Structure formats: structure tokens, C-alpha cells
Amino acid sequence: MNLLAQQSPVFALAWQARRFDLGNRLEYAKCFIEFALRRPDTGEPLHVFLRELLNHGGSGSRG
């Protein structure tokens, strides 16, 4: 890094965000769900769906 900085400017960003390992299926699912819940167009419907799914034990039988 020091050698690179001597030749041209080097920029850095202190990143304070949650990280997900997208190579891991569970982490990928967590990431997808978290970001979908943040979106104005999918957040509330997904929240309702997840609540129903968890309340009914995740049996998969939906009307």
C-alpha cells in the first residue's frame, strides 16, 4: 500500500455495515430477507408473510 501511495493517491472508506457471506446459503437468505424488509414496496408484505409463516409453524400449507 505504501508503494502504491507513493505513485498515486490512495483512497479508503471506513465501512460500518453488516456483512453477509453470500457463498453460504443461510447467510444469502438472511441478506435477501433483510434487504427485502427494508424496501418500501416489499417490506410490509414480506413482514406479514414471515409472521404468518412463523405463527403457523412453517407447514407450507397456505390457502
PDB file of N, CA and C in Angstrom:
ATOM      1  N   MET A   1       0.822  -1.183   0.000  1.00  0.00           N
ATOM      2  CA  MET A   1       0.000   0.000   0.000  1.00  0.00           C
ATOM      3  C   MET A   1       0.871   1.252   0.000  1.00  0.00           C
ATOM      4  N   ASN A   2       1.928   1.193   0.788  1.00  0.00           N
ATOM      5  CA  ASN A   2       2.804   2.363   0.845  1.00  0.00           C
ATOM      6  C   ASN A   2       3.425   2.658  -0.516  1.00  0.00           C
ATOM      7  N   LEU A   3       3.847   1.601  -1.227  1.00  0.00           N
ATOM      8  CA  LEU A   3       4.432   1.794  -2.554  1.00  0.00           C
ATOM      9  C   LEU A   3       3.406   2.373  -3.517  1.00  0.00           C
ATOM     10  N   LEU A   4       2.205   1.869  -3.462  1.00  0.00           N
ATOM     11  CA  LEU A   4       1.136   2.376  -4.324  1.00  0.00           C
ATOM     12  C   LEU A   4       0.851   3.848  -4.003  1.00  0.00           C
ATOM     13  N   ALA A   5       0.823   4.182  -2.720  1.00  0.00           N
ATOM     14  CA  ALA A   5       0.548   5.552  -2.310  1.00  0.00           C
ATOM     15  C   ALA A   5       1.639   6.519  -2.762  1.00  0.00           C
ATOM     16  N   GLN A   6       2.838   6.020  -2.936  1.00  0.00           N
ATOM     17  CA  GLN A   6       3.922   6.870  -3.418  1.00  0.00           C
ATOM     18  C   GLN A   6       3.772   7.202  -4.896  1.00  0.00           C
ATOM     19  N   GLN A   7       3.079   6.342  -5.646  1.00  0.00           N
ATOM     20  CA  GLN A   7       2.915   6.521  -7.089  1.00  0.00           C
ATOM     21  C   GLN A   7       1.649   7.278  -7.463  1.00  0.00           C
ATOM     22  N   SER A   8       0.603   7.082  -6.685  1.00  0.00           N
ATOM     23  CA  SER A   8      -0.673   7.738  -6.981  1.00  0.00           C
ATOM     24  C   SER A   8      -1.493   7.822  -5.701  1.00  0.00           C
ATOM     25  N   PRO A   9      -2.517   8.674  -5.704  1.00  0.00           N
ATOM     26  CA  PRO A   9      -3.344   8.796  -4.490  1.00  0.00           C
ATOM     27  C   PRO A   9      -4.058   7.484  -4.157  1.00  0.00           C
ATOM     28  N   VAL A  10      -4.183   7.218  -2.899  1.00  0.00           N
ATOM     29  CA  VAL A  10      -4.901   6.040  -2.411  1.00  0.00           C
ATOM     30  C   VAL A  10      -6.048   6.548  -1.545  1.00  0.00           C
ATOM     31  N   PHE A  11      -7.234   6.049  -1.811  1.00  0.00           N
ATOM     32  CA  PHE A  11      -8.419   6.465  -1.059  1.00  0.00           C
ATOM     33  C   PHE A  11      -8.955   5.274  -0.266  1.00  0.00           C
ATOM     34  N   ALA A  12      -9.513   5.545   0.883  1.00  0.00           N
ATOM     35  CA  ALA A  12     -10.071   4.499   1.726  1.00  0.00           C
ATOM     36  C   ALA A  12     -11.414   4.953   2.268  1.00  0.00           C
ATOM     37  N   LEU A  13     -12.210   3.997   2.640  1.00  0.00           N
ATOM     38  CA  LEU A  13     -13.517   4.269   3.213  1.00  0.00           C
ATOM     39  C   LEU A  13     -13.688   3.396   4.446  1.00  0.00           C
ATOM     40  N   ALA A  14     -13.971   3.990   5.569  1.00  0.00           N
ATOM     41  CA  ALA A  14     -14.278   3.219   6.779  1.00  0.00           C
ATOM     42  C   ALA A  14     -15.716   2.744   6.653  1.00  0.00           C
ATOM     43  N   TRP A  15     -15.903   1.471   6.543  1.00  0.00           N
ATOM     44  CA  TRP A  15     -17.216   0.886   6.276  1.00  0.00           C
ATOM     45  C   TRP A  15     -17.793   0.325   7.555  1.00  0.00           C
ATOM     46  N   GLN A  16     -18.924   0.841   7.976  1.00  0.00           N
ATOM     47  CA  GLN A  16     -19.601   0.388   9.191  1.00  0.00           C
ATOM     48  C   GLN A  16     -20.940  -0.232   8.803  1.00  0.00           C
ATOM     49  N   ALA A  17     -20.886  -1.380   8.200  1.00  0.00           N
ATOM     50  CA  ALA A  17     -22.119  -2.028   7.757  1.00  0.00           C
ATOM     51  C   ALA A  17     -22.062  -3.514   8.088  1.00  0.00           C
ATOM     52  N   ARG A  18     -23.202  -4.114   8.101  1.00  0.00           N
ATOM     53  CA  ARG A  18     -23.286  -5.549   8.330  1.00  0.00           C
ATOM     54  C   ARG A  18     -22.819  -6.279   7.085  1.00  0.00           C
ATOM     55  N   ARG A  19     -22.110  -7.362   7.279  1.00  0.00           N
ATOM     56  CA  ARG A  19     -21.607  -8.145   6.154  1.00  0.00           C
ATOM     57  C   ARG A  19     -22.288  -9.503   6.119  1.00  0.00           C
ATOM     58  N   PHE A  20     -22.469 -10.023   4.917  1.00  0.00           N
ATOM     59  CA  PHE A  20     -23.049 -11.339   4.725  1.00  0.00           C
ATOM     60  C   PHE A  20     -22.117 -12.158   3.847  1.00  0.00           C
ATOM     61  N   ASP A  21     -21.988 -13.438   4.144  1.00  0.00           N
ATOM     62  CA  ASP A  21     -21.217 -14.354   3.315  1.00  0.00           C
ATOM     63  C   ASP A  21     -22.174 -14.948   2.291  1.00  0.00           C
ATOM     64  N   LEU A  22     -22.171 -14.400   1.079  1.00  0.00           N
ATOM     65  CA  LEU A  22     -23.129 -14.833   0.074  1.00  0.00           C
ATOM     66  C   LEU A  22     -22.790 -16.189  -0.522  1.00  0.00           C
ATOM     67  N   GLY A  23     -21.665 -16.767  -0.149  1.00  0.00           N
ATOM     68  CA  GLY A  23     -21.328 -18.123  -0.558  1.00  0.00           C
ATOM     69  C   GLY A  23     -21.966 -19.164   0.354  1.00  0.00           C
ATOM     70  N   ASN A  24     -22.580 -18.701   1.434  1.00  0.00           N
ATOM     71  CA  ASN A  24     -23.252 -19.564   2.395  1.00  0.00           C
ATOM     72  C   ASN A  24     -24.755 -19.392   2.196  1.00  0.00           C
ATOM     73  N   ARG A  25     -25.470 -20.473   1.971  1.00  0.00           N
ATOM     74  CA  ARG A  25     -26.908 -20.364   1.647  1.00  0.00           C
ATOM     75  C   ARG A  25     -27.730 -19.681   2.729  1.00  0.00           C
ATOM     76  N   LEU A  26     -27.447 -19.980   3.983  1.00  0.00           N
ATOM     77  CA  LEU A  26     -28.207 -19.349   5.065  1.00  0.00           C
ATOM     78  C   LEU A  26     -27.912 -17.854   5.115  1.00  0.00           C
ATOM     79  N   GLU A  27     -26.651 -17.470   4.993  1.00  0.00           N
ATOM     80  CA  GLU A  27     -26.298 -16.059   5.009  1.00  0.00           C
ATOM     81  C   GLU A  27     -26.903 -15.327   3.807  1.00  0.00           C
ATOM     82  N   TYR A  28     -26.945 -15.996   2.646  1.00  0.00           N
ATOM     83  CA  TYR A  28     -27.571 -15.401   1.468  1.00  0.00           C
ATOM     84  C   TYR A  28     -29.055 -15.145   1.742  1.00  0.00           C
ATOM     85  N   ALA A  29     -29.731 -16.112   2.347  1.00  0.00           N
ATOM     86  CA  ALA A  29     -31.157 -15.952   2.657  1.00  0.00           C
ATOM     87  C   ALA A  29     -31.369 -14.809   3.650  1.00  0.00           C
ATOM     88  N   LYS A  30     -30.512 -14.732   4.673  1.00  0.00           N
ATOM     89  CA  LYS A  30     -30.621 -13.648   5.646  1.00  0.00           C
ATOM     90  C   LYS A  30     -30.454 -12.289   4.972  1.00  0.00           C
ATOM     91  N   CYS A  31     -29.481 -12.201   4.080  1.00  0.00           N
ATOM     92  CA  CYS A  31     -29.223 -10.947   3.365  1.00  0.00           C
ATOM     93  C   CYS A  31     -30.433 -10.563   2.522  1.00  0.00           C
ATOM     94  N   PHE A  32     -30.943 -11.520   1.753  1.00  0.00           N
ATOM     95  CA  PHE A  32     -32.087 -11.264   0.881  1.00  0.00           C
ATOM     96  C   PHE A  32     -33.286 -10.781   1.695  1.00  0.00           C
ATOM     97  N   ILE A  33     -33.562 -11.461   2.804  1.00  0.00           N
ATOM     98  CA  ILE A  33     -34.705 -11.099   3.646  1.00  0.00           C
ATOM     99  C   ILE A  33     -34.507  -9.722   4.272  1.00  0.00           C
ATOM    100  N   GLU A  34     -33.309  -9.462   4.793  1.00  0.00           N
ATOM    101  CA  GLU A  34     -33.075  -8.164   5.443  1.00  0.00           C
ATOM    102  C   GLU A  34     -33.251  -7.011   4.460  1.00  0.00           C
ATOM    103  N   PHE A  35     -32.698  -7.146   3.268  1.00  0.00           N
ATOM    104  CA  PHE A  35     -32.823  -6.065   2.298  1.00  0.00           C
ATOM    105  C   PHE A  35     -34.251  -5.952   1.759  1.00  0.00           C
ATOM    106  N   ALA A  36     -34.937  -7.068   1.596  1.00  0.00           N
ATOM    107  CA  ALA A  36     -36.331  -7.021   1.139  1.00  0.00           C
ATOM    108  C   ALA A  36     -37.216  -6.352   2.188  1.00  0.00           C
ATOM    109  N   LEU A  37     -36.922  -6.579   3.462  1.00  0.00           N
ATOM    110  CA  LEU A  37     -37.700  -5.946   4.530  1.00  0.00           C
ATOM    111  C   LEU A  37     -37.477  -4.433   4.573  1.00  0.00           C
ATOM    112  N   ARG A  38     -36.329  -3.969   4.120  1.00  0.00           N
ATOM    113  CA  ARG A  38     -36.032  -2.532   4.104  1.00  0.00           C
ATOM    114  C   ARG A  38     -36.725  -1.790   2.962  1.00  0.00           C
ATOM    115  N   ARG A  39     -37.066  -2.499   1.909  1.00  0.00           N
ATOM    116  CA  ARG A  39     -37.638  -1.844   0.730  1.00  0.00           C
ATOM    117  C   ARG A  39     -39.083  -1.427   0.995  1.00  0.00           C
ATOM    118  N   PRO A  40     -39.468  -0.217   0.560  1.00  0.00           N
ATOM    119  CA  PRO A  40     -40.839   0.242   0.785  1.00  0.00           C
ATOM    120  C   PRO A  40     -41.881  -0.617   0.061  1.00  0.00           C
ATOM    121  N   ASP A  41     -41.520  -1.187  -1.083  1.00  0.00           N
ATOM    122  CA  ASP A  41     -42.501  -1.950  -1.865  1.00  0.00           C
ATOM    123  C   ASP A  41     -42.621  -3.408  -1.433  1.00  0.00           C
ATOM    124  N   THR A  42     -41.645  -3.948  -0.720  1.00  0.00           N
ATOM    125  CA  THR A  42     -41.711  -5.352  -0.319  1.00  0.00           C
ATOM    126  C   THR A  42     -41.672  -5.554   1.188  1.00  0.00           C
ATOM    127  N   GLY A  43     -41.271  -4.535   1.938  1.00  0.00           N
ATOM    128  CA  GLY A  43     -41.073  -4.678   3.375  1.00  0.00           C
ATOM    129  C   GLY A  43     -42.290  -5.157   4.131  1.00  0.00           C
ATOM    130  N   GLU A  44     -43.381  -4.446   4.009  1.00  0.00           N
ATOM    131  CA  GLU A  44     -44.580  -4.801   4.777  1.00  0.00           C
ATOM    132  C   GLU A  44     -45.189  -6.130   4.331  1.00  0.00           C
ATOM    133  N   PRO A  45     -45.366  -6.375   3.030  1.00  0.00           N
ATOM    134  CA  PRO A  45     -45.916  -7.682   2.638  1.00  0.00           C
ATOM    135  C   PRO A  45     -45.032  -8.853   3.072  1.00  0.00           C
ATOM    136  N   LEU A  46     -43.730  -8.696   3.003  1.00  0.00           N
ATOM    137  CA  LEU A  46     -42.833  -9.771   3.436  1.00  0.00           C
ATOM    138  C   LEU A  46     -42.913  -9.956   4.943  1.00  0.00           C
ATOM    139  N   HIS A  47     -43.000  -8.865   5.679  1.00  0.00           N
ATOM    140  CA  HIS A  47     -43.133  -8.936   7.127  1.00  0.00           C
ATOM    141  C   HIS A  47     -44.397  -9.715   7.511  1.00  0.00           C
ATOM    142  N   VAL A  48     -45.501  -9.418   6.850  1.00  0.00           N
ATOM    143  CA  VAL A  48     -46.764 -10.120   7.107  1.00  0.00           C
ATOM    144  C   VAL A  48     -46.616 -11.606   6.778  1.00  0.00           C
ATOM    145  N   PHE A  49     -46.011 -11.911   5.631  1.00  0.00           N
ATOM    146  CA  PHE A  49     -45.818 -13.301   5.219  1.00  0.00           C
ATOM    147  C   PHE A  49     -44.965 -14.059   6.236  1.00  0.00           C
ATOM    148  N   LEU A  50     -43.859 -13.461   6.660  1.00  0.00           N
ATOM    149  CA  LEU A  50     -42.974 -14.135   7.611  1.00  0.00           C
ATOM    150  C   LEU A  50     -43.665 -14.354   8.949  1.00  0.00           C
ATOM    151  N   ARG A  51     -44.437 -13.364   9.392  1.00  0.00           N
ATOM    152  CA  ARG A  51     -45.172 -13.522  10.641  1.00  0.00           C
ATOM    153  C   ARG A  51     -46.166 -14.678  10.534  1.00  0.00           C
ATOM    154  N   GLU A  52     -46.913 -14.756   9.431  1.00  0.00           N
ATOM    155  CA  GLU A  52     -47.862 -15.856   9.229  1.00  0.00           C
ATOM    156  C   GLU A  52     -47.143 -17.197   9.176  1.00  0.00           C
ATOM    157  N   LEU A  53     -46.031 -17.230   8.472  1.00  0.00           N
ATOM    158  CA  LEU A  53     -45.259 -18.460   8.345  1.00  0.00           C
ATOM    159  C   LEU A  53     -44.763 -18.942   9.701  1.00  0.00           C
ATOM    160  N   LEU A  54     -44.251 -18.026  10.501  1.00  0.00           N
ATOM    161  CA  LEU A  54     -43.743 -18.402  11.817  1.00  0.00           C
ATOM    162  C   LEU A  54     -44.862 -18.775  12.781  1.00  0.00           C
ATOM    163  N   ASN A  55     -45.996 -18.107  12.701  1.00  0.00           N
ATOM    164  CA  ASN A  55     -47.119 -18.418  13.579  1.00  0.00           C
ATOM    165  C   ASN A  55     -47.737 -19.766  13.283  1.00  0.00           C
ATOM    166  N   HIS A  56     -47.638 -20.212  12.043  1.00  0.00           N
ATOM    167  CA  HIS A  56     -48.242 -21.488  11.660  1.00  0.00           C
ATOM    168  C   HIS A  56     -47.206 -22.598  11.573  1.00  0.00           C
ATOM    169  N   GLY A  57     -46.053 -22.378  12.130  1.00  0.00           N
ATOM    170  CA  GLY A  57     -45.044 -23.425  12.206  1.00  0.00           C
ATOM    171  C   GLY A  57     -44.349 -23.723  10.894  1.00  0.00           C
ATOM    172  N   GLY A  58     -44.538 -22.904   9.885  1.00  0.00           N
ATOM    173  CA  GLY A  58     -43.846 -23.132   8.614  1.00  0.00           C
ATOM    174  C   GLY A  58     -44.276 -24.399   7.918  1.00  0.00           C
ATOM    175  N   SER A  59     -45.557 -24.772   8.067  1.00  0.00           N
ATOM    176  CA  SER A  59     -46.023 -26.034   7.476  1.00  0.00           C
ATOM    177  C   SER A  59     -46.088 -25.989   5.968  1.00  0.00           C
ATOM    178  N   GLY A  60     -46.067 -24.805   5.386  1.00  0.00           N
ATOM    179  CA  GLY A  60     -46.099 -24.693   3.940  1.00  0.00           C
ATOM    180  C   GLY A  60     -47.483 -24.769   3.337  1.00  0.00           C
ATOM    181  N   SER A  61     -48.506 -25.063   4.126  1.00  0.00           N
ATOM    182  CA  SER A  61     -49.862 -25.152   3.589  1.00  0.00           C
ATOM    183  C   SER A  61     -50.537 -23.787   3.725  1.00  0.00           C
ATOM    184  N   ARG A  62     -50.619 -23.090   2.592  1.00  0.00           N
ATOM    185  CA  ARG A  62     -51.253 -21.778   2.569  1.00  0.00           C
ATOM    186  C   ARG A  62     -52.424 -21.826   1.605  1.00  0.00           C
ATOM    187  N   GLY A  63     -53.518 -21.177   2.013  1.00  0.00           N
ATOM    188  CA  GLY A  63     -54.757 -21.074   1.276  1.00  0.00           C
ATOM    189  C   GLY A  63     -54.626 -21.091  -0.151  1.00  0.00           C
TER     190      GLY A  63
END
